[in-house]
Amino acid sequence: MKLKLTPTQNLCVGFLESGFKLVQMGEQYYFVKGERRQKVLPKTLDALVNRGALSYTDQGDYILSAEFVAHRKRMRETNEVVPVRH
């Protein structure tokens, strides 16, 4: 898994982490939460799959991969332990 994400890829992960659902309408994909909708390019989704951040469910949906979720959790725990020096 390639852990370095582009800003756009990181934004997409943030949408999924904050409760947005990824839905396909015709040929286009959107992050949807309530009335809010944000377009996402299929090539961005493909890049996230190739980097190991997203995986497919048996129903063909995109979700954050278990490996990526574990990585993000480890990164958050590491950041909380590091003391801030002024």
C-alpha atoms as a PDB file:
ATOM      1  CA  MET A   1       0.000   0.000   0.000  1.00  0.00           C
ATOM      2  CA  LYS A   2       1.328   3.413  -0.983  1.00  0.00           C
ATOM      3  CA  LEU A   3       0.622   5.656   1.977  1.00  0.00           C
ATOM      4  CA  LYS A   4       1.280   9.037   0.387  1.00  0.00           C
ATOM      5  CA  LEU A   5      -1.911  10.573  -1.024  1.00  0.00           C
ATOM      6  CA  THR A   6      -2.371  13.659  -3.152  1.00  0.00           C
ATOM      7  CA  PRO A   7      -4.428  16.512  -1.651  1.00  0.00           C
ATOM      8  CA  THR A   8      -7.405  15.488  -3.815  1.00  0.00           C
ATOM      9  CA  GLN A   9      -7.137  11.859  -2.735  1.00  0.00           C
ATOM     10  CA  ASN A  10      -6.833  12.902   0.897  1.00  0.00           C
ATOM     11  CA  LEU A  11      -9.950  15.049   0.518  1.00  0.00           C
ATOM     12  CA  CYS A  12     -11.859  12.046  -0.851  1.00  0.00           C
ATOM     13  CA  VAL A  13     -10.773   9.932   2.117  1.00  0.00           C
ATOM     14  CA  GLY A  14     -11.910  12.747   4.422  1.00  0.00           C
ATOM     15  CA  PHE A  15     -15.360  12.731   2.820  1.00  0.00           C
ATOM     16  CA  LEU A  16     -15.701   9.004   3.485  1.00  0.00           C
ATOM     17  CA  GLU A  17     -14.373   9.314   7.041  1.00  0.00           C
ATOM     18  CA  SER A  18     -16.894  12.058   7.807  1.00  0.00           C
ATOM     19  CA  GLY A  19     -19.919  10.020   6.777  1.00  0.00           C
ATOM     20  CA  PHE A  20     -20.390  10.837   3.107  1.00  0.00           C
ATOM     21  CA  LYS A  21     -21.567   7.946   0.930  1.00  0.00           C
ATOM     22  CA  LEU A  22     -20.126   7.375  -2.520  1.00  0.00           C
ATOM     23  CA  VAL A  23     -22.880   6.934  -5.091  1.00  0.00           C
ATOM     24  CA  GLN A  24     -22.860   6.506  -8.840  1.00  0.00           C
ATOM     25  CA  MET A  25     -25.346   8.462 -10.956  1.00  0.00           C
ATOM     26  CA  GLY A  26     -25.011   7.402 -14.570  1.00  0.00           C
ATOM     27  CA  GLU A  27     -21.321   7.507 -15.427  1.00  0.00           C
ATOM     28  CA  GLN A  28     -20.486  10.008 -12.660  1.00  0.00           C
ATOM     29  CA  TYR A  29     -19.613   9.416  -8.972  1.00  0.00           C
ATOM     30  CA  TYR A  30     -20.574  11.721  -6.098  1.00  0.00           C
ATOM     31  CA  PHE A  31     -19.981  11.933  -2.371  1.00  0.00           C
ATOM     32  CA  VAL A  32     -23.434  12.475  -0.854  1.00  0.00           C
ATOM     33  CA  LYS A  33     -24.500  13.390   2.692  1.00  0.00           C
ATOM     34  CA  GLY A  34     -27.999  14.760   3.165  1.00  0.00           C
ATOM     35  CA  GLU A  35     -28.505  17.508   0.592  1.00  0.00           C
ATOM     36  CA  ARG A  36     -24.770  17.976   0.012  1.00  0.00           C
ATOM     37  CA  ARG A  37     -23.193  16.455  -3.070  1.00  0.00           C
ATOM     38  CA  GLN A  38     -19.577  16.602  -4.274  1.00  0.00           C
ATOM     39  CA  LYS A  39     -18.446  15.259  -7.647  1.00  0.00           C
ATOM     40  CA  VAL A  40     -15.441  12.911  -7.771  1.00  0.00           C
ATOM     41  CA  LEU A  41     -13.605  11.734 -10.876  1.00  0.00           C
ATOM     42  CA  PRO A  42     -13.420   8.001 -11.611  1.00  0.00           C
ATOM     43  CA  LYS A  43      -9.638   8.300 -12.104  1.00  0.00           C
ATOM     44  CA  THR A  44      -9.320   9.575  -8.522  1.00  0.00           C
ATOM     45  CA  LEU A  45     -11.247   6.555  -7.252  1.00  0.00           C
ATOM     46  CA  ASP A  46      -9.053   4.242  -9.340  1.00  0.00           C
ATOM     47  CA  ALA A  47      -5.919   5.859  -7.891  1.00  0.00           C
ATOM     48  CA  LEU A  48      -7.237   5.349  -4.353  1.00  0.00           C
ATOM     49  CA  VAL A  49      -7.921   1.675  -5.099  1.00  0.00           C
ATOM     50  CA  ASN A  50      -4.429   1.281  -6.582  1.00  0.00           C
ATOM     51  CA  ARG A  51      -2.874   2.894  -3.499  1.00  0.00           C
ATOM     52  CA  GLY A  52      -4.809   0.572  -1.186  1.00  0.00           C
ATOM     53  CA  ALA A  53      -6.967   3.248   0.444  1.00  0.00           C
ATOM     54  CA  LEU A  54     -10.239   2.027  -1.084  1.00  0.00           C
ATOM     55  CA  SER A  55     -11.614  -1.428  -1.709  1.00  0.00           C
ATOM     56  CA  TYR A  56     -14.791  -2.846  -3.189  1.00  0.00           C
ATOM     57  CA  THR A  57     -17.608  -4.534  -1.305  1.00  0.00           C
ATOM     58  CA  ASP A  58     -19.340  -7.622  -2.674  1.00  0.00           C
ATOM     59  CA  GLN A  59     -22.092  -5.252  -3.864  1.00  0.00           C
ATOM     60  CA  GLY A  60     -19.598  -3.269  -5.956  1.00  0.00           C
ATOM     61  CA  ASP A  61     -19.441  -0.253  -3.613  1.00  0.00           C
ATOM     62  CA  TYR A  62     -16.252   1.605  -2.697  1.00  0.00           C
ATOM     63  CA  ILE A  63     -15.278   1.660   0.986  1.00  0.00           C
ATOM     64  CA  LEU A  64     -12.152   2.571   2.921  1.00  0.00           C
ATOM     65  CA  SER A  65      -9.979  -0.531   3.132  1.00  0.00           C
ATOM     66  CA  ALA A  66      -9.463  -2.125   6.538  1.00  0.00           C
ATOM     67  CA  GLU A  67      -5.701  -1.773   6.094  1.00  0.00           C
ATOM     68  CA  PHE A  68      -5.998   1.955   5.367  1.00  0.00           C
ATOM     69  CA  VAL A  69      -8.346   2.550   8.328  1.00  0.00           C
ATOM     70  CA  ALA A  70      -5.828   0.794  10.604  1.00  0.00           C
ATOM     71  CA  HIS A  71      -3.023   2.927   9.163  1.00  0.00           C
ATOM     72  CA  ARG A  72      -4.967   6.162   9.778  1.00  0.00           C
ATOM     73  CA  LYS A  73      -5.717   5.054  13.346  1.00  0.00           C
ATOM     74  CA  ARG A  74      -2.018   4.376  13.983  1.00  0.00           C
ATOM     75  CA  MET A  75      -1.100   7.767  12.529  1.00  0.00           C
ATOM     76  CA  ARG A  76      -3.603   9.565  14.762  1.00  0.00           C
ATOM     77  CA  GLU A  77      -2.324   7.738  17.847  1.00  0.00           C
ATOM     78  CA  THR A  78       1.266   8.614  16.937  1.00  0.00           C
ATOM     79  CA  ASN A  79       0.365  12.285  16.473  1.00  0.00           C
ATOM     80  CA  GLU A  80      -1.356  12.427  19.863  1.00  0.00           C
ATOM     81  CA  VAL A  81       1.754  11.123  21.665  1.00  0.00           C
ATOM     82  CA  VAL A  82       4.240  13.570  20.143  1.00  0.00           C
ATOM     83  CA  PRO A  83       4.810  16.506  22.530  1.00  0.00           C
ATOM     84  CA  VAL A  84       4.608  20.026  21.141  1.00  0.00           C
ATOM     85  CA  ARG A  85       7.654  22.192  21.747  1.00  0.00           C
ATOM     86  CA  HIS A  86       7.430  25.968  21.733  1.00  0.00           C
END
